[in-house]
Amino acid sequence: MNRVEGKVIIVTGAASGLGAADAKLLAKHGAQVILTDVDAEGGKSIAEDVGGEFIEQDVSDEQSWSALVEGVMNTHGKLDVLVNNAGIAPIANAETTTTEMWRKVLAVNLDGTFFGCRAAIPAMKEGGGGSIINMSSTAALVGHAPYFAYAAAKGGIRSMTKSMALHCRDTKTGIRCNTIHPGSINTPMVQESFMELGGYELKQDADAETIRNTLGVGQPEDVANMVLYLASDESKHVTGAEMVIDFGGSIV
């Protein structure tokens, strides 16, 4: 069954990791996917694989969002789903985080998500509704000392999305807004974290069930399946929710 057949979906940060997995699964289920990323080479490669479109974009650039959504509306006549996935996560704690790093992390993660939501809402309203899916993190729920700025940005996404969900519900836009909170997922970002913080090489082709049960590490597809659900009409009664995908890692 094609669960998002005919839907027009933007996925940011789609050149690798979670964004690439999201784009692949959404396309597999019938969506027209527009992929964006600063990595043009990687983004174009994924777009070719899934039969989608690629647009080079720095999500922290406010003007890029106006151009992106306008282009999608001109080409496809609608926007059904936005997956705000793009993000960066430099390793630094409360003492070692520089002002430059802080501003960059918030610009990409928090500002980029805000700009995307603000641009998408009017377009979705034209079509009678839609789904906005914002990628947060378990770092927004429990904190994570080595990712100080990242946790702050993801916490902002968490609360911002709830306020946006209430606004969209109360103004009867038909738009649902939810967050996803992954824990450790076997992506290049997490592989780098395991190596730098623990000296452990987490291999891309590691056995999925072994690392799930020994390290609590999931697969990109685990997150993509949740994205698919929130993008589909199956989640029509779900808004303002926090979807935690961490194998119980945030339970304290």
Protein backbone atom coordinates (compact mmCIF):
# COMPACT_ATOMS: atom_id res chain seq x y z
CA MET A 1 0.00 0.00 0.00
CA ASN A 2 1.30 3.46 -0.91
CA ARG A 3 0.60 5.31 2.32
CA VAL A 4 1.50 8.80 1.04
CA GLU A 5 0.46 8.39 -2.59
CA GLY A 6 0.36 11.71 -4.42
CA LYS A 7 1.59 13.81 -1.49
CA VAL A 8 4.19 16.53 -2.13
CA ILE A 9 6.80 16.41 0.60
CA ILE A 10 9.89 18.50 1.41
CA VAL A 11 12.66 16.79 3.37
CA THR A 12 15.59 18.94 4.53
CA GLY A 13 19.03 17.55 5.32
CA ALA A 14 18.25 14.73 2.94
CA ALA A 15 21.74 14.01 1.56
CA SER A 16 22.56 11.42 4.22
CA GLY A 17 21.53 9.89 7.53
CA LEU A 18 17.96 10.27 8.71
CA GLY A 19 16.95 12.64 5.92
CA ALA A 20 18.06 10.23 3.22
CA ALA A 21 16.21 7.36 4.90
CA ASP A 22 13.08 9.52 5.17
CA ALA A 23 13.22 10.52 1.51
CA LYS A 24 13.68 6.93 0.36
CA LEU A 25 10.77 5.53 2.36
CA LEU A 26 8.39 8.38 1.51
CA ALA A 27 9.16 8.01 -2.19
CA LYS A 28 8.69 4.25 -1.94
CA HIS A 29 5.19 4.89 -0.63
CA GLY A 30 4.19 7.14 -3.49
CA ALA A 31 5.21 10.65 -2.48
CA GLN A 32 6.77 13.29 -4.71
CA VAL A 33 9.80 14.19 -2.61
CA ILE A 34 11.76 17.43 -2.78
CA LEU A 35 15.12 16.95 -1.07
CA THR A 36 17.26 19.83 0.20
CA ASP A 37 20.73 19.99 1.70
CA VAL A 38 23.96 21.98 1.62
CA ASP A 39 25.63 18.83 0.28
CA ALA A 40 24.69 19.11 -3.38
CA GLU A 41 26.54 16.00 -4.52
CA GLY A 42 25.03 13.74 -1.88
CA GLY A 43 21.59 15.28 -2.25
CA LYS A 44 21.52 14.85 -6.01
CA SER A 45 22.57 11.23 -5.65
CA ILE A 46 19.74 10.42 -3.23
CA ALA A 47 17.24 12.34 -5.38
CA GLU A 48 18.21 10.28 -8.42
CA ASP A 49 17.81 7.08 -6.41
CA VAL A 50 14.28 7.94 -5.31
CA GLY A 51 13.07 9.77 -8.40
CA GLY A 52 12.78 13.02 -6.49
CA GLU A 53 13.97 16.58 -6.94
CA PHE A 54 16.99 18.15 -5.27
CA ILE A 55 17.41 21.79 -4.32
CA GLU A 56 20.59 23.04 -2.68
CA GLN A 57 19.63 24.91 0.47
CA ASP A 58 21.09 26.32 3.66
CA VAL A 59 18.08 26.12 5.98
CA SER A 60 19.43 28.94 8.14
CA ASP A 61 19.00 31.30 5.17
CA GLU A 62 15.56 32.83 5.66
CA GLN A 63 15.18 33.86 2.02
CA SER A 64 15.89 30.35 0.79
CA TRP A 65 12.66 29.19 2.36
CA SER A 66 10.49 31.66 0.49
CA ALA A 67 12.10 30.61 -2.78
CA LEU A 68 11.81 26.90 -1.97
CA VAL A 69 8.13 26.91 -1.03
CA GLU A 70 7.21 29.26 -3.88
CA GLY A 71 8.97 26.96 -6.33
CA VAL A 72 7.21 23.88 -4.97
CA MET A 73 3.83 25.58 -5.19
CA ASN A 74 4.49 26.78 -8.73
CA THR A 75 5.60 23.33 -9.87
CA HIS A 76 3.25 21.05 -7.94
CA GLY A 77 0.42 23.33 -6.88
CA LYS A 78 0.52 22.19 -3.27
CA LEU A 79 2.64 21.26 -0.28
CA ASP A 80 1.36 18.43 1.89
CA VAL A 81 4.23 17.63 4.25
CA LEU A 82 7.38 19.32 5.55
CA VAL A 83 10.05 17.27 7.30
CA ASN A 84 12.42 19.66 9.08
CA ASN A 85 15.30 17.25 9.46
CA ALA A 86 18.44 19.33 8.77
CA GLY A 87 20.72 19.84 11.74
CA ILE A 88 24.26 20.00 13.03
CA ALA A 89 25.66 18.71 16.32
CA PRO A 90 29.20 19.79 17.19
CA ILE A 91 30.56 18.22 20.37
CA ALA A 92 31.07 20.84 23.10
CA ASN A 93 29.85 21.24 26.67
CA ALA A 94 28.66 24.28 28.64
CA GLU A 95 32.23 25.48 29.15
CA THR A 96 33.74 24.75 25.74
CA THR A 97 30.86 25.97 23.55
CA THR A 98 31.97 29.16 21.83
CA THR A 99 29.62 32.01 20.97
CA GLU A 100 30.21 31.34 17.28
CA MET A 101 29.34 27.65 17.72
CA TRP A 102 26.25 28.47 19.77
CA ARG A 103 24.89 30.85 17.16
CA LYS A 104 25.62 28.48 14.30
CA VAL A 105 23.91 25.52 15.97
CA LEU A 106 20.81 27.56 16.81
CA ALA A 107 20.77 29.11 13.33
CA VAL A 108 20.72 25.75 11.55
CA ASN A 109 18.65 23.70 13.98
CA LEU A 110 16.21 26.15 15.56
CA ASP A 111 16.05 29.08 13.14
CA GLY A 112 16.00 26.74 10.15
CA THR A 113 13.05 24.84 11.60
CA PHE A 114 11.20 28.06 12.42
CA PHE A 115 11.77 29.50 8.93
CA GLY A 116 10.54 26.27 7.38
CA CYS A 117 7.39 26.13 9.47
CA ARG A 118 6.56 29.78 8.86
CA ALA A 119 6.96 29.36 5.10
CA ALA A 120 5.02 26.09 4.96
CA ILE A 121 1.93 27.01 6.94
CA PRO A 122 0.39 29.44 4.38
CA ALA A 123 1.07 27.00 1.54
CA MET A 124 -0.51 24.11 3.42
CA LYS A 125 -3.51 26.23 4.36
CA GLU A 126 -4.18 26.77 0.66
CA GLY A 127 -4.51 23.04 0.23
CA GLY A 128 -6.70 22.55 3.29
CA GLY A 129 -4.07 21.18 5.63
CA GLY A 130 -0.91 19.14 5.93
CA SER A 131 1.67 17.72 8.28
CA ILE A 132 4.77 19.41 9.70
CA ILE A 133 7.30 17.01 11.19
CA ASN A 134 10.12 18.58 13.19
CA MET A 135 13.16 16.50 14.10
CA SER A 136 14.07 17.04 17.73
CA SER A 137 16.10 14.66 19.91
CA THR A 138 16.06 12.87 23.24
CA ALA A 139 18.64 15.54 24.18
CA ALA A 140 15.64 17.88 24.39
CA LEU A 141 14.01 15.58 26.96
CA VAL A 142 16.87 14.65 29.27
CA GLY A 143 19.81 16.87 28.29
CA HIS A 144 23.17 15.74 27.00
CA ALA A 145 26.30 17.39 28.41
CA PRO A 146 28.60 16.95 25.37
CA TYR A 147 25.97 18.48 23.05
CA PHE A 148 25.14 21.65 24.96
CA ALA A 149 24.05 23.93 22.11
CA TYR A 150 22.42 21.07 20.21
CA ALA A 151 20.30 20.11 23.23
CA ALA A 152 19.25 23.74 23.68
CA ALA A 153 18.22 24.02 20.03
CA LYS A 154 16.30 20.75 20.09
CA GLY A 155 14.53 21.83 23.28
CA GLY A 156 13.47 24.97 21.45
CA ILE A 157 12.10 22.89 18.59
CA ARG A 158 10.14 20.78 21.05
CA SER A 159 8.32 23.69 22.70
CA MET A 160 7.98 25.70 19.48
CA THR A 161 6.23 22.80 17.79
CA LYS A 162 3.70 22.46 20.60
CA SER A 163 2.80 26.15 20.36
CA MET A 164 2.53 25.83 16.60
CA ALA A 165 0.31 22.76 16.91
CA LEU A 166 -2.10 24.67 19.14
CA HIS A 167 -2.14 27.63 16.78
CA CYS A 168 -2.84 25.46 13.74
CA ARG A 169 -5.52 23.50 15.57
CA ASP A 170 -7.28 26.54 17.03
CA THR A 171 -7.26 28.45 13.74
CA LYS A 172 -8.61 25.35 11.97
CA THR A 173 -5.87 25.19 9.35
CA GLY A 174 -5.97 21.41 9.08
CA ILE A 175 -2.21 21.34 9.74
CA ARG A 176 -0.73 18.89 12.23
CA CYS A 177 2.62 19.63 13.90
CA ASN A 178 4.64 16.98 15.72
CA THR A 179 8.17 16.29 16.89
CA ILE A 180 10.27 13.16 16.63
CA HIS A 181 12.89 12.51 19.32
CA PRO A 182 15.47 9.95 18.20
CA GLY A 183 18.10 8.63 20.55
CA SER A 184 21.28 7.10 19.13
CA ILE A 185 20.72 6.04 15.52
CA ASN A 186 23.40 4.51 13.29
CA THR A 187 24.12 7.57 11.16
CA PRO A 188 27.40 9.32 10.31
CA MET A 189 26.72 11.88 13.07
CA VAL A 190 26.32 9.22 15.76
CA GLN A 191 29.25 7.19 14.43
CA GLU A 192 31.43 10.28 14.86
CA SER A 193 30.08 10.77 18.38
CA PHE A 194 30.86 7.19 19.41
CA MET A 195 34.41 7.53 18.13
CA GLU A 196 35.15 10.96 19.59
CA LEU A 197 33.51 10.47 22.98
CA GLY A 198 34.18 6.79 23.56
CA GLY A 199 36.81 5.67 21.08
CA TYR A 200 34.38 3.09 19.73
CA GLU A 201 34.00 2.43 16.02
CA LEU A 202 30.32 2.05 15.24
CA LYS A 203 30.28 0.53 11.78
CA GLN A 204 27.71 1.48 9.17
CA ASP A 205 27.09 -2.17 8.34
CA ALA A 206 26.93 -3.37 11.96
CA ASP A 207 24.25 -5.95 12.64
CA ALA A 208 21.12 -3.98 13.47
CA GLU A 209 19.75 -6.20 16.22
CA THR A 210 23.13 -6.65 17.87
CA ILE A 211 23.78 -2.94 18.27
CA ARG A 212 20.16 -2.33 19.25
CA ASN A 213 20.35 -4.80 22.11
CA THR A 214 23.93 -4.12 23.22
CA LEU A 215 24.31 -0.37 22.61
CA GLY A 216 20.72 0.85 22.31
CA VAL A 217 21.47 2.11 18.79
CA GLY A 218 18.72 2.06 16.18
CA GLN A 219 18.63 2.27 12.41
CA PRO A 220 17.64 5.25 10.22
CA GLU A 221 14.66 3.21 9.04
CA ASP A 222 13.33 3.17 12.61
CA VAL A 223 12.93 6.93 12.41
CA ALA A 224 11.79 6.93 8.78
CA ASN A 225 8.90 4.64 9.70
CA MET A 226 7.68 7.23 12.20
CA VAL A 227 8.07 10.00 9.61
CA LEU A 228 5.97 7.96 7.20
CA TYR A 229 3.24 7.53 9.80
CA LEU A 230 3.13 11.25 10.63
CA ALA A 231 3.16 12.16 6.94
CA SER A 232 0.27 9.83 6.18
CA ASP A 233 -3.42 10.33 6.86
CA GLU A 234 -3.17 7.54 9.43
CA SER A 235 -2.02 10.18 11.94
CA LYS A 236 -4.90 12.60 11.27
CA HIS A 237 -5.71 12.84 15.01
CA VAL A 238 -2.11 13.32 16.14
CA THR A 239 -0.77 16.83 16.73
CA GLY A 240 1.52 18.37 19.33
CA ALA A 241 2.91 14.92 20.11
CA GLU A 242 6.46 13.85 20.97
CA MET A 243 7.41 10.62 19.25
CA VAL A 244 10.37 9.13 21.14
CA ILE A 245 12.47 6.56 19.27
CA ASP A 246 15.28 5.49 21.59
CA PHE A 247 14.74 1.88 22.74
CA GLY A 248 13.86 3.17 26.19
CA GLY A 249 17.10 5.12 26.57
CA SER A 250 15.45 8.27 27.93
CA ILE A 251 13.48 6.47 30.64
CA VAL A 252 14.88 7.55 33.99
